[in-house]
Amino acid sequence: MAYAEGVKPFRDIAEETPSPNAYSHLKELDQEDTCHIAQVADLCIMLTKGLDKKKGVYKQEGKVSDASWSEVSNILLYISNTANISRETTGSSISPLPPRPL
């Protein structure tokens, strides 16, 4: 829940999306228990779909080419930018913590 509540655009999306939705569903679950990864993926999809220029977010399409779990419990994604001819790969953190240098 900290991920969905960590930044204002996500909080706004959670408020604006009619219930029931992925956020309201996860909020109803026991926060000290585990859940299915599909439930979390639904939340990520909901939040991503809600991001747009009106919220000050510009999407950059890419393809995840690799992912790993770092020592500080962050998921590190390597994304190939489809708009970039050289197909450079960058690292991104999807945790509420800032990404660590690569």
PDB file of N, CA and C in Angstrom:
ATOM      1  N   MET A   1       0.821  -1.182   0.000  1.00  0.00           N
ATOM      2  CA  MET A   1       0.000   0.000   0.000  1.00  0.00           C
ATOM      3  C   MET A   1       0.871   1.254   0.000  1.00  0.00           C
ATOM      4  N   ALA A   2       2.067   1.149   0.567  1.00  0.00           N
ATOM      5  CA  ALA A   2       2.961   2.303   0.596  1.00  0.00           C
ATOM      6  C   ALA A   2       3.326   2.745  -0.816  1.00  0.00           C
ATOM      7  N   TYR A   3       3.424   1.815  -1.748  1.00  0.00           N
ATOM      8  CA  TYR A   3       3.739   2.144  -3.142  1.00  0.00           C
ATOM      9  C   TYR A   3       2.613   2.989  -3.739  1.00  0.00           C
ATOM     10  N   ALA A   4       1.374   2.567  -3.551  1.00  0.00           N
ATOM     11  CA  ALA A   4       0.221   3.269  -4.119  1.00  0.00           C
ATOM     12  C   ALA A   4      -0.037   4.604  -3.423  1.00  0.00           C
ATOM     13  N   GLU A   5       0.417   4.739  -2.207  1.00  0.00           N
ATOM     14  CA  GLU A   5       0.160   5.955  -1.444  1.00  0.00           C
ATOM     15  C   GLU A   5       1.398   6.854  -1.359  1.00  0.00           C
ATOM     16  N   GLY A   6       2.488   6.434  -2.007  1.00  0.00           N
ATOM     17  CA  GLY A   6       3.765   7.117  -1.863  1.00  0.00           C
ATOM     18  C   GLY A   6       3.907   8.432  -2.591  1.00  0.00           C
ATOM     19  N   VAL A   7       3.181   8.610  -3.682  1.00  0.00           N
ATOM     20  CA  VAL A   7       3.288   9.854  -4.451  1.00  0.00           C
ATOM     21  C   VAL A   7       1.893  10.362  -4.795  1.00  0.00           C
ATOM     22  N   LYS A   8       1.774  11.682  -4.913  1.00  0.00           N
ATOM     23  CA  LYS A   8       0.463  12.300  -5.134  1.00  0.00           C
ATOM     24  C   LYS A   8      -0.255  11.783  -6.379  1.00  0.00           C
ATOM     25  N   PRO A   9       0.412  11.623  -7.532  1.00  0.00           N
ATOM     26  CA  PRO A   9      -0.330  11.110  -8.689  1.00  0.00           C
ATOM     27  C   PRO A   9      -0.986   9.749  -8.420  1.00  0.00           C
ATOM     28  N   PHE A  10      -0.309   8.863  -7.696  1.00  0.00           N
ATOM     29  CA  PHE A  10      -0.904   7.558  -7.381  1.00  0.00           C
ATOM     30  C   PHE A  10      -2.073   7.707  -6.420  1.00  0.00           C
ATOM     31  N   ARG A  11      -1.918   8.579  -5.414  1.00  0.00           N
ATOM     32  CA  ARG A  11      -3.033   8.809  -4.486  1.00  0.00           C
ATOM     33  C   ARG A  11      -4.244   9.362  -5.223  1.00  0.00           C
ATOM     34  N   ASP A  12      -4.006  10.267  -6.149  1.00  0.00           N
ATOM     35  CA  ASP A  12      -5.100  10.836  -6.942  1.00  0.00           C
ATOM     36  C   ASP A  12      -5.791   9.764  -7.780  1.00  0.00           C
ATOM     37  N   ILE A  13      -5.019   8.906  -8.407  1.00  0.00           N
ATOM     38  CA  ILE A  13      -5.584   7.818  -9.224  1.00  0.00           C
ATOM     39  C   ILE A  13      -6.439   6.905  -8.355  1.00  0.00           C
ATOM     40  N   ALA A  14      -5.943   6.561  -7.169  1.00  0.00           N
ATOM     41  CA  ALA A  14      -6.697   5.679  -6.261  1.00  0.00           C
ATOM     42  C   ALA A  14      -8.022   6.324  -5.868  1.00  0.00           C
ATOM     43  N   GLU A  15      -8.019   7.644  -5.653  1.00  0.00           N
ATOM     44  CA  GLU A  15      -9.252   8.352  -5.289  1.00  0.00           C
ATOM     45  C   GLU A  15     -10.217   8.462  -6.461  1.00  0.00           C
ATOM     46  N   GLU A  16      -9.693   8.681  -7.666  1.00  0.00           N
ATOM     47  CA  GLU A  16     -10.522   8.927  -8.846  1.00  0.00           C
ATOM     48  C   GLU A  16     -11.087   7.657  -9.485  1.00  0.00           C
ATOM     49  N   THR A  17     -10.465   6.523  -9.238  1.00  0.00           N
ATOM     50  CA  THR A  17     -10.910   5.274  -9.861  1.00  0.00           C
ATOM     51  C   THR A  17     -12.117   4.733  -9.104  1.00  0.00           C
ATOM     52  N   PRO A  18     -13.227   4.508  -9.806  1.00  0.00           N
ATOM     53  CA  PRO A  18     -14.430   4.003  -9.136  1.00  0.00           C
ATOM     54  C   PRO A  18     -14.178   2.665  -8.432  1.00  0.00           C
ATOM     55  N   SER A  19     -14.730   2.527  -7.244  1.00  0.00           N
ATOM     56  CA  SER A  19     -14.633   1.265  -6.495  1.00  0.00           C
ATOM     57  C   SER A  19     -15.742   0.332  -6.953  1.00  0.00           C
ATOM     58  N   PRO A  20     -15.544  -0.947  -6.865  1.00  0.00           N
ATOM     59  CA  PRO A  20     -14.319  -1.608  -6.400  1.00  0.00           C
ATOM     60  C   PRO A  20     -13.235  -1.552  -7.480  1.00  0.00           C
ATOM     61  N   ASN A  21     -12.006  -1.447  -7.022  1.00  0.00           N
ATOM     62  CA  ASN A  21     -10.852  -1.448  -7.919  1.00  0.00           C
ATOM     63  C   ASN A  21      -9.703  -2.171  -7.222  1.00  0.00           C
ATOM     64  N   ALA A  22      -8.574  -2.274  -7.889  1.00  0.00           N
ATOM     65  CA  ALA A  22      -7.438  -3.020  -7.340  1.00  0.00           C
ATOM     66  C   ALA A  22      -6.958  -2.422  -6.016  1.00  0.00           C
ATOM     67  N   TYR A  23      -6.943  -1.102  -5.912  1.00  0.00           N
ATOM     68  CA  TYR A  23      -6.496  -0.443  -4.682  1.00  0.00           C
ATOM     69  C   TYR A  23      -7.457  -0.732  -3.532  1.00  0.00           C
ATOM     70  N   SER A  24      -8.754  -0.534  -3.762  1.00  0.00           N
ATOM     71  CA  SER A  24      -9.726  -0.765  -2.685  1.00  0.00           C
ATOM     72  C   SER A  24      -9.727  -2.237  -2.263  1.00  0.00           C
ATOM     73  N   HIS A  25      -9.521  -3.128  -3.230  1.00  0.00           N
ATOM     74  CA  HIS A  25      -9.463  -4.557  -2.901  1.00  0.00           C
ATOM     75  C   HIS A  25      -8.268  -4.855  -1.992  1.00  0.00           C
ATOM     76  N   LEU A  26      -7.086  -4.370  -2.363  1.00  0.00           N
ATOM     77  CA  LEU A  26      -5.897  -4.629  -1.544  1.00  0.00           C
ATOM     78  C   LEU A  26      -6.000  -3.962  -0.176  1.00  0.00           C
ATOM     79  N   LYS A  27      -6.625  -2.797  -0.118  1.00  0.00           N
ATOM     80  CA  LYS A  27      -6.768  -2.086   1.151  1.00  0.00           C
ATOM     81  C   LYS A  27      -7.624  -2.887   2.141  1.00  0.00           C
ATOM     82  N   GLU A  28      -8.571  -3.667   1.612  1.00  0.00           N
ATOM     83  CA  GLU A  28      -9.443  -4.479   2.464  1.00  0.00           C
ATOM     84  C   GLU A  28      -8.745  -5.724   3.016  1.00  0.00           C
ATOM     85  N   LEU A  29      -7.630  -6.122   2.405  1.00  0.00           N
ATOM     86  CA  LEU A  29      -6.914  -7.330   2.845  1.00  0.00           C
ATOM     87  C   LEU A  29      -6.128  -7.057   4.120  1.00  0.00           C
ATOM     88  N   ASP A  30      -5.803  -8.127   4.839  1.00  0.00           N
ATOM     89  CA  ASP A  30      -4.951  -8.037   6.025  1.00  0.00           C
ATOM     90  C   ASP A  30      -3.575  -7.550   5.591  1.00  0.00           C
ATOM     91  N   GLN A  31      -3.168  -6.367   6.045  1.00  0.00           N
ATOM     92  CA  GLN A  31      -1.916  -5.759   5.618  1.00  0.00           C
ATOM     93  C   GLN A  31      -0.680  -6.466   6.185  1.00  0.00           C
ATOM     94  N   GLU A  32      -0.879  -7.347   7.106  1.00  0.00           N
ATOM     95  CA  GLU A  32       0.236  -8.103   7.682  1.00  0.00           C
ATOM     96  C   GLU A  32       0.373  -9.481   7.046  1.00  0.00           C
ATOM     97  N   ASP A  33      -0.513  -9.806   6.116  1.00  0.00           N
ATOM     98  CA  ASP A  33      -0.511 -11.119   5.463  1.00  0.00           C
ATOM     99  C   ASP A  33      -0.040 -10.958   4.020  1.00  0.00           C
ATOM    100  N   THR A  34       0.230 -12.070   3.365  1.00  0.00           N
ATOM    101  CA  THR A  34       0.626 -12.037   1.961  1.00  0.00           C
ATOM    102  C   THR A  34      -0.608 -12.057   1.069  1.00  0.00           C
ATOM    103  N   CYS A  35      -0.390 -11.785  -0.213  1.00  0.00           N
ATOM    104  CA  CYS A  35      -1.475 -11.868  -1.184  1.00  0.00           C
ATOM    105  C   CYS A  35      -0.895 -12.434  -2.481  1.00  0.00           C
ATOM    106  N   HIS A  36      -1.749 -12.687  -3.432  1.00  0.00           N
ATOM    107  CA  HIS A  36      -1.298 -13.201  -4.723  1.00  0.00           C
ATOM    108  C   HIS A  36      -0.620 -12.082  -5.513  1.00  0.00           C
ATOM    109  N   ILE A  37       0.435 -12.420  -6.238  1.00  0.00           N
ATOM    110  CA  ILE A  37       1.156 -11.426  -7.026  1.00  0.00           C
ATOM    111  C   ILE A  37       0.242 -10.793  -8.077  1.00  0.00           C
ATOM    112  N   ALA A  38      -0.741 -11.532  -8.551  1.00  0.00           N
ATOM    113  CA  ALA A  38      -1.681 -10.995  -9.537  1.00  0.00           C
ATOM    114  C   ALA A  38      -2.472  -9.819  -8.966  1.00  0.00           C
ATOM    115  N   GLN A  39      -2.755  -9.842  -7.673  1.00  0.00           N
ATOM    116  CA  GLN A  39      -3.479  -8.739  -7.050  1.00  0.00           C
ATOM    117  C   GLN A  39      -2.629  -7.470  -7.047  1.00  0.00           C
ATOM    118  N   VAL A  40      -1.356  -7.628  -6.807  1.00  0.00           N
ATOM    119  CA  VAL A  40      -0.435  -6.493  -6.824  1.00  0.00           C
ATOM    120  C   VAL A  40      -0.246  -6.006  -8.267  1.00  0.00           C
ATOM    121  N   ALA A  41      -0.144  -6.947  -9.198  1.00  0.00           N
ATOM    122  CA  ALA A  41      -0.005  -6.569 -10.610  1.00  0.00           C
ATOM    123  C   ALA A  41      -1.216  -5.768 -11.073  1.00  0.00           C
ATOM    124  N   ASP A  42      -2.413  -6.148 -10.621  1.00  0.00           N
ATOM    125  CA  ASP A  42      -3.618  -5.392 -10.978  1.00  0.00           C
ATOM    126  C   ASP A  42      -3.516  -3.949 -10.491  1.00  0.00           C
ATOM    127  N   LEU A  43      -2.961  -3.762  -9.302  1.00  0.00           N
ATOM    128  CA  LEU A  43      -2.781  -2.415  -8.773  1.00  0.00           C
ATOM    129  C   LEU A  43      -1.793  -1.629  -9.639  1.00  0.00           C
ATOM    130  N   CYS A  44      -0.681  -2.246  -9.995  1.00  0.00           N
ATOM    131  CA  CYS A  44       0.321  -1.574 -10.832  1.00  0.00           C
ATOM    132  C   CYS A  44      -0.277  -1.178 -12.181  1.00  0.00           C
ATOM    133  N   ILE A  45      -1.077  -2.055 -12.757  1.00  0.00           N
ATOM    134  CA  ILE A  45      -1.727  -1.749 -14.036  1.00  0.00           C
ATOM    135  C   ILE A  45      -2.699  -0.585 -13.866  1.00  0.00           C
ATOM    136  N   MET A  46      -3.486  -0.608 -12.808  1.00  0.00           N
ATOM    137  CA  MET A  46      -4.441   0.465 -12.561  1.00  0.00           C
ATOM    138  C   MET A  46      -3.718   1.811 -12.421  1.00  0.00           C
ATOM    139  N   LEU A  47      -2.641   1.838 -11.643  1.00  0.00           N
ATOM    140  CA  LEU A  47      -1.898   3.071 -11.420  1.00  0.00           C
ATOM    141  C   LEU A  47      -1.239   3.550 -12.711  1.00  0.00           C
ATOM    142  N   THR A  48      -0.672   2.645 -13.474  1.00  0.00           N
ATOM    143  CA  THR A  48      -0.005   3.001 -14.723  1.00  0.00           C
ATOM    144  C   THR A  48      -0.997   3.567 -15.725  1.00  0.00           C
ATOM    145  N   LYS A  49      -2.156   2.936 -15.840  1.00  0.00           N
ATOM    146  CA  LYS A  49      -3.170   3.427 -16.779  1.00  0.00           C
ATOM    147  C   LYS A  49      -3.656   4.820 -16.390  1.00  0.00           C
ATOM    148  N   GLY A  50      -3.639   5.133 -15.119  1.00  0.00           N
ATOM    149  CA  GLY A  50      -4.113   6.431 -14.654  1.00  0.00           C
ATOM    150  C   GLY A  50      -3.125   7.563 -14.817  1.00  0.00           C
ATOM    151  N   LEU A  51      -1.870   7.236 -15.080  1.00  0.00           N
ATOM    152  CA  LEU A  51      -0.857   8.280 -15.249  1.00  0.00           C
ATOM    153  C   LEU A  51      -0.997   8.918 -16.623  1.00  0.00           C
ATOM    154  N   ASP A  52      -0.979  10.233 -16.674  1.00  0.00           N
ATOM    155  CA  ASP A  52      -1.050  10.935 -17.945  1.00  0.00           C
ATOM    156  C   ASP A  52      -0.493  12.342 -17.797  1.00  0.00           C
ATOM    157  N   LYS A  53      -0.513  13.086 -18.884  1.00  0.00           N
ATOM    158  CA  LYS A  53       0.055  14.435 -18.892  1.00  0.00           C
ATOM    159  C   LYS A  53      -0.666  15.367 -17.918  1.00  0.00           C
ATOM    160  N   LYS A  54      -1.965  15.143 -17.689  1.00  0.00           N
ATOM    161  CA  LYS A  54      -2.708  15.996 -16.753  1.00  0.00           C
ATOM    162  C   LYS A  54      -2.138  15.887 -15.347  1.00  0.00           C
ATOM    163  N   LYS A  55      -1.506  14.768 -15.037  1.00  0.00           N
ATOM    164  CA  LYS A  55      -0.910  14.553 -13.719  1.00  0.00           C
ATOM    165  C   LYS A  55       0.590  14.879 -13.739  1.00  0.00           C
ATOM    166  N   GLY A  56       1.061  15.452 -14.836  1.00  0.00           N
ATOM    167  CA  GLY A  56       2.467  15.831 -14.942  1.00  0.00           C
ATOM    168  C   GLY A  56       3.383  14.663 -15.229  1.00  0.00           C
ATOM    169  N   VAL A  57       2.835  13.584 -15.784  1.00  0.00           N
ATOM    170  CA  VAL A  57       3.619  12.391 -16.064  1.00  0.00           C
ATOM    171  C   VAL A  57       3.621  12.133 -17.569  1.00  0.00           C
ATOM    172  N   TYR A  58       4.789  11.972 -18.127  1.00  0.00           N
ATOM    173  CA  TYR A  58       4.939  11.656 -19.539  1.00  0.00           C
ATOM    174  C   TYR A  58       5.454  10.231 -19.652  1.00  0.00           C
ATOM    175  N   LYS A  59       4.678   9.387 -20.314  1.00  0.00           N
ATOM    176  CA  LYS A  59       5.045   7.979 -20.432  1.00  0.00           C
ATOM    177  C   LYS A  59       6.103   7.798 -21.510  1.00  0.00           C
ATOM    178  N   GLN A  60       7.023   6.878 -21.240  1.00  0.00           N
ATOM    179  CA  GLN A  60       8.031   6.511 -22.213  1.00  0.00           C
ATOM    180  C   GLN A  60       7.965   5.001 -22.359  1.00  0.00           C
ATOM    181  N   GLU A  61       7.506   4.561 -23.516  1.00  0.00           N
ATOM    182  CA  GLU A  61       7.346   3.133 -23.715  1.00  0.00           C
ATOM    183  C   GLU A  61       8.691   2.443 -23.790  1.00  0.00           C
ATOM    184  N   GLY A  62       8.725   1.217 -23.321  1.00  0.00           N
ATOM    185  CA  GLY A  62       9.932   0.426 -23.358  1.00  0.00           C
ATOM    186  C   GLY A  62       9.606  -1.029 -23.134  1.00  0.00           C
ATOM    187  N   LYS A  63      10.599  -1.865 -23.188  1.00  0.00           N
ATOM    188  CA  LYS A  63      10.431  -3.298 -23.006  1.00  0.00           C
ATOM    189  C   LYS A  63      11.360  -3.751 -21.886  1.00  0.00           C
ATOM    190  N   VAL A  64      10.807  -4.437 -20.900  1.00  0.00           N
ATOM    191  CA  VAL A  64      11.629  -4.952 -19.809  1.00  0.00           C
ATOM    192  C   VAL A  64      12.454  -6.102 -20.366  1.00  0.00           C
ATOM    193  N   SER A  65      13.772  -5.971 -20.266  1.00  0.00           N
ATOM    194  CA  SER A  65      14.654  -7.005 -20.789  1.00  0.00           C
ATOM    195  C   SER A  65      15.239  -7.872 -19.685  1.00  0.00           C
ATOM    196  N   ASP A  66      15.189  -7.388 -18.441  1.00  0.00           N
ATOM    197  CA  ASP A  66      15.734  -8.157 -17.323  1.00  0.00           C
ATOM    198  C   ASP A  66      15.210  -7.540 -16.032  1.00  0.00           C
ATOM    199  N   ALA A  67      15.144  -8.350 -14.992  1.00  0.00           N
ATOM    200  CA  ALA A  67      14.736  -7.847 -13.679  1.00  0.00           C
ATOM    201  C   ALA A  67      15.482  -8.626 -12.607  1.00  0.00           C
ATOM    202  N   SER A  68      15.780  -7.963 -11.499  1.00  0.00           N
ATOM    203  CA  SER A  68      16.453  -8.645 -10.396  1.00  0.00           C
ATOM    204  C   SER A  68      16.051  -7.999  -9.081  1.00  0.00           C
ATOM    205  N   TRP A  69      16.295  -8.714  -7.997  1.00  0.00           N
ATOM    206  CA  TRP A  69      15.996  -8.254  -6.647  1.00  0.00           C
ATOM    207  C   TRP A  69      17.302  -7.817  -6.022  1.00  0.00           C
ATOM    208  N   SER A  70      17.387  -6.558  -5.566  1.00  0.00           N
ATOM    209  CA  SER A  70      18.640  -6.061  -5.010  1.00  0.00           C
ATOM    210  C   SER A  70      18.733  -6.350  -3.512  1.00  0.00           C
ATOM    211  N   GLU A  71      19.902  -6.092  -2.952  1.00  0.00           N
ATOM    212  CA  GLU A  71      20.153  -6.361  -1.527  1.00  0.00           C
ATOM    213  C   GLU A  71      19.348  -5.464  -0.607  1.00  0.00           C
ATOM    214  N   VAL A  72      18.763  -4.384  -1.115  1.00  0.00           N
ATOM    215  CA  VAL A  72      17.953  -3.499  -0.285  1.00  0.00           C
ATOM    216  C   VAL A  72      16.459  -3.692  -0.569  1.00  0.00           C
ATOM    217  N   SER A  73      16.107  -4.870  -1.070  1.00  0.00           N
ATOM    218  CA  SER A  73      14.713  -5.257  -1.311  1.00  0.00           C
ATOM    219  C   SER A  73      14.000  -4.371  -2.325  1.00  0.00           C
ATOM    220  N   ASN A  74      14.722  -3.923  -3.328  1.00  0.00           N
ATOM    221  CA  ASN A  74      14.129  -3.200  -4.449  1.00  0.00           C
ATOM    222  C   ASN A  74      14.133  -4.122  -5.663  1.00  0.00           C
ATOM    223  N   ILE A  75      13.127  -3.979  -6.497  1.00  0.00           N
ATOM    224  CA  ILE A  75      13.147  -4.678  -7.769  1.00  0.00           C
ATOM    225  C   ILE A  75      13.819  -3.743  -8.764  1.00  0.00           C
ATOM    226  N   LEU A  76      14.831  -4.228  -9.445  1.00  0.00           N
ATOM    227  CA  LEU A  76      15.551  -3.430 -10.422  1.00  0.00           C
ATOM    228  C   LEU A  76      15.163  -3.927 -11.808  1.00  0.00           C
ATOM    229  N   LEU A  77      14.601  -3.035 -12.607  1.00  0.00           N
ATOM    230  CA  LEU A  77      14.177  -3.387 -13.958  1.00  0.00           C
ATOM    231  C   LEU A  77      15.125  -2.757 -14.958  1.00  0.00           C
ATOM    232  N   TYR A  78      15.453  -3.495 -16.006  1.00  0.00           N
ATOM    233  CA  TYR A  78      16.239  -2.967 -17.108  1.00  0.00           C
ATOM    234  C   TYR A  78      15.287  -2.801 -18.277  1.00  0.00           C
ATOM    235  N   ILE A  79      15.158  -1.574 -18.737  1.00  0.00           N
ATOM    236  CA  ILE A  79      14.162  -1.253 -19.751  1.00  0.00           C
ATOM    237  C   ILE A  79      14.853  -0.767 -21.012  1.00  0.00           C
ATOM    238  N   SER A  80      14.546  -1.406 -22.126  1.00  0.00           N
ATOM    239  CA  SER A  80      15.038  -0.959 -23.421  1.00  0.00           C
ATOM    240  C   SER A  80      14.040   0.035 -23.969  1.00  0.00           C
ATOM    241  N   ASN A  81      14.493   1.228 -24.248  1.00  0.00           N
ATOM    242  CA  ASN A  81      13.642   2.298 -24.750  1.00  0.00           C
ATOM    243  C   ASN A  81      13.330   2.023 -26.215  1.00  0.00           C
ATOM    244  N   THR A  82      12.059   1.767 -26.531  1.00  0.00           N
ATOM    245  CA  THR A  82      11.679   1.436 -27.903  1.00  0.00           C
ATOM    246  C   THR A  82      11.769   2.636 -28.836  1.00  0.00           C
ATOM    247  N   ALA A  83      11.757   3.852 -28.302  1.00  0.00           N
ATOM    248  CA  ALA A  83      11.845   5.040 -29.144  1.00  0.00           C
ATOM    249  C   ALA A  83      13.297   5.384 -29.481  1.00  0.00           C
ATOM    250  N   ASN A  84      14.230   4.766 -28.801  1.00  0.00           N
ATOM    251  CA  ASN A  84      15.643   5.067 -28.981  1.00  0.00           C
ATOM    252  C   ASN A  84      16.254   4.048 -29.936  1.00  0.00           C
ATOM    253  N   ILE A  85      16.805   4.517 -31.026  1.00  0.00           N
ATOM    254  CA  ILE A  85      17.357   3.615 -32.041  1.00  0.00           C
ATOM    255  C   ILE A  85      18.469   2.755 -31.463  1.00  0.00           C
ATOM    256  N   SER A  86      19.283   3.290 -30.546  1.00  0.00           N
ATOM    257  CA  SER A  86      20.399   2.528 -29.999  1.00  0.00           C
ATOM    258  C   SER A  86      19.946   1.494 -28.967  1.00  0.00           C
ATOM    259  N   ARG A  87      18.683   1.537 -28.576  1.00  0.00           N
ATOM    260  CA  ARG A  87      18.125   0.575 -27.618  1.00  0.00           C
ATOM    261  C   ARG A  87      18.927   0.522 -26.321  1.00  0.00           C
ATOM    262  N   GLU A  88      19.277   1.697 -25.795  1.00  0.00           N
ATOM    263  CA  GLU A  88      20.020   1.742 -24.540  1.00  0.00           C
ATOM    264  C   GLU A  88      19.180   1.162 -23.415  1.00  0.00           C
ATOM    265  N   THR A  89      19.839   0.546 -22.469  1.00  0.00           N
ATOM    266  CA  THR A  89      19.156  -0.062 -21.343  1.00  0.00           C
ATOM    267  C   THR A  89      19.434   0.756 -20.093  1.00  0.00           C
ATOM    268  N   THR A  90      18.377   1.011 -19.332  1.00  0.00           N
ATOM    269  CA  THR A  90      18.514   1.785 -18.100  1.00  0.00           C
ATOM    270  C   THR A  90      17.955   0.989 -16.937  1.00  0.00           C
ATOM    271  N   GLY A  91      18.368   1.320 -15.744  1.00  0.00           N
ATOM    272  CA  GLY A  91      17.838   0.677 -14.545  1.00  0.00           C
ATOM    273  C   GLY A  91      16.779   1.543 -13.900  1.00  0.00           C
ATOM    274  N   SER A  92      15.755   0.929 -13.366  1.00  0.00           N
ATOM    275  CA  SER A  92      14.681   1.656 -12.697  1.00  0.00           C
ATOM    276  C   SER A  92      14.284   0.896 -11.443  1.00  0.00           C
ATOM    277  N   SER A  93      13.983   1.627 -10.402  1.00  0.00           N
ATOM    278  CA  SER A  93      13.501   1.006  -9.182  1.00  0.00           C
ATOM    279  C   SER A  93      12.007   1.241  -9.081  1.00  0.00           C
ATOM    280  N   ILE A  94      11.237   0.218  -8.694  1.00  0.00           N
ATOM    281  CA  ILE A  94       9.803   0.415  -8.544  1.00  0.00           C
ATOM    282  C   ILE A  94       9.398   0.415  -7.075  1.00  0.00           C
ATOM    283  N   SER A  95      10.368   0.578  -6.203  1.00  0.00           N
ATOM    284  CA  SER A  95      10.041   0.695  -4.783  1.00  0.00           C
ATOM    285  C   SER A  95       9.832   2.172  -4.457  1.00  0.00           C
ATOM    286  N   PRO A  96       9.253   2.485  -3.286  1.00  0.00           N
ATOM    287  CA  PRO A  96       9.098   3.894  -2.919  1.00  0.00           C
ATOM    288  C   PRO A  96      10.431   4.567  -2.610  1.00  0.00           C
ATOM    289  N   LEU A  97      11.504   3.809  -2.483  1.00  0.00           N
ATOM    290  CA  LEU A  97      12.816   4.364  -2.207  1.00  0.00           C
ATOM    291  C   LEU A  97      13.450   4.824  -3.513  1.00  0.00           C
ATOM    292  N   PRO A  98      14.343   5.835  -3.480  1.00  0.00           N
ATOM    293  CA  PRO A  98      14.994   6.267  -4.721  1.00  0.00           C
ATOM    294  C   PRO A  98      15.894   5.162  -5.266  1.00  0.00           C
ATOM    295  N   PRO A  99      16.044   5.086  -6.604  1.00  0.00           N
ATOM    296  CA  PRO A  99      16.880   4.042  -7.184  1.00  0.00           C
ATOM    297  C   PRO A  99      18.340   4.258  -6.818  1.00  0.00           C
ATOM    298  N   ARG A 100      19.045   3.165  -6.674  1.00  0.00           N
ATOM    299  CA  ARG A 100      20.472   3.221  -6.388  1.00  0.00           C
ATOM    300  C   ARG A 100      21.234   3.337  -7.701  1.00  0.00           C
ATOM    301  N   PRO A 101      22.398   3.978  -7.704  1.00  0.00           N
ATOM    302  CA  PRO A 101      23.184   4.067  -8.943  1.00  0.00           C
ATOM    303  C   PRO A 101      23.541   2.684  -9.454  1.00  0.00           C
ATOM    304  N   LEU A 102      23.574   2.570 -10.780  1.00  0.00           N
ATOM    305  CA  LEU A 102      23.926   1.279 -11.399  1.00  0.00           C
ATOM    306  C   LEU A 102      25.403   1.072 -11.412  1.00  0.00           C
TER     307      LEU A 102
END
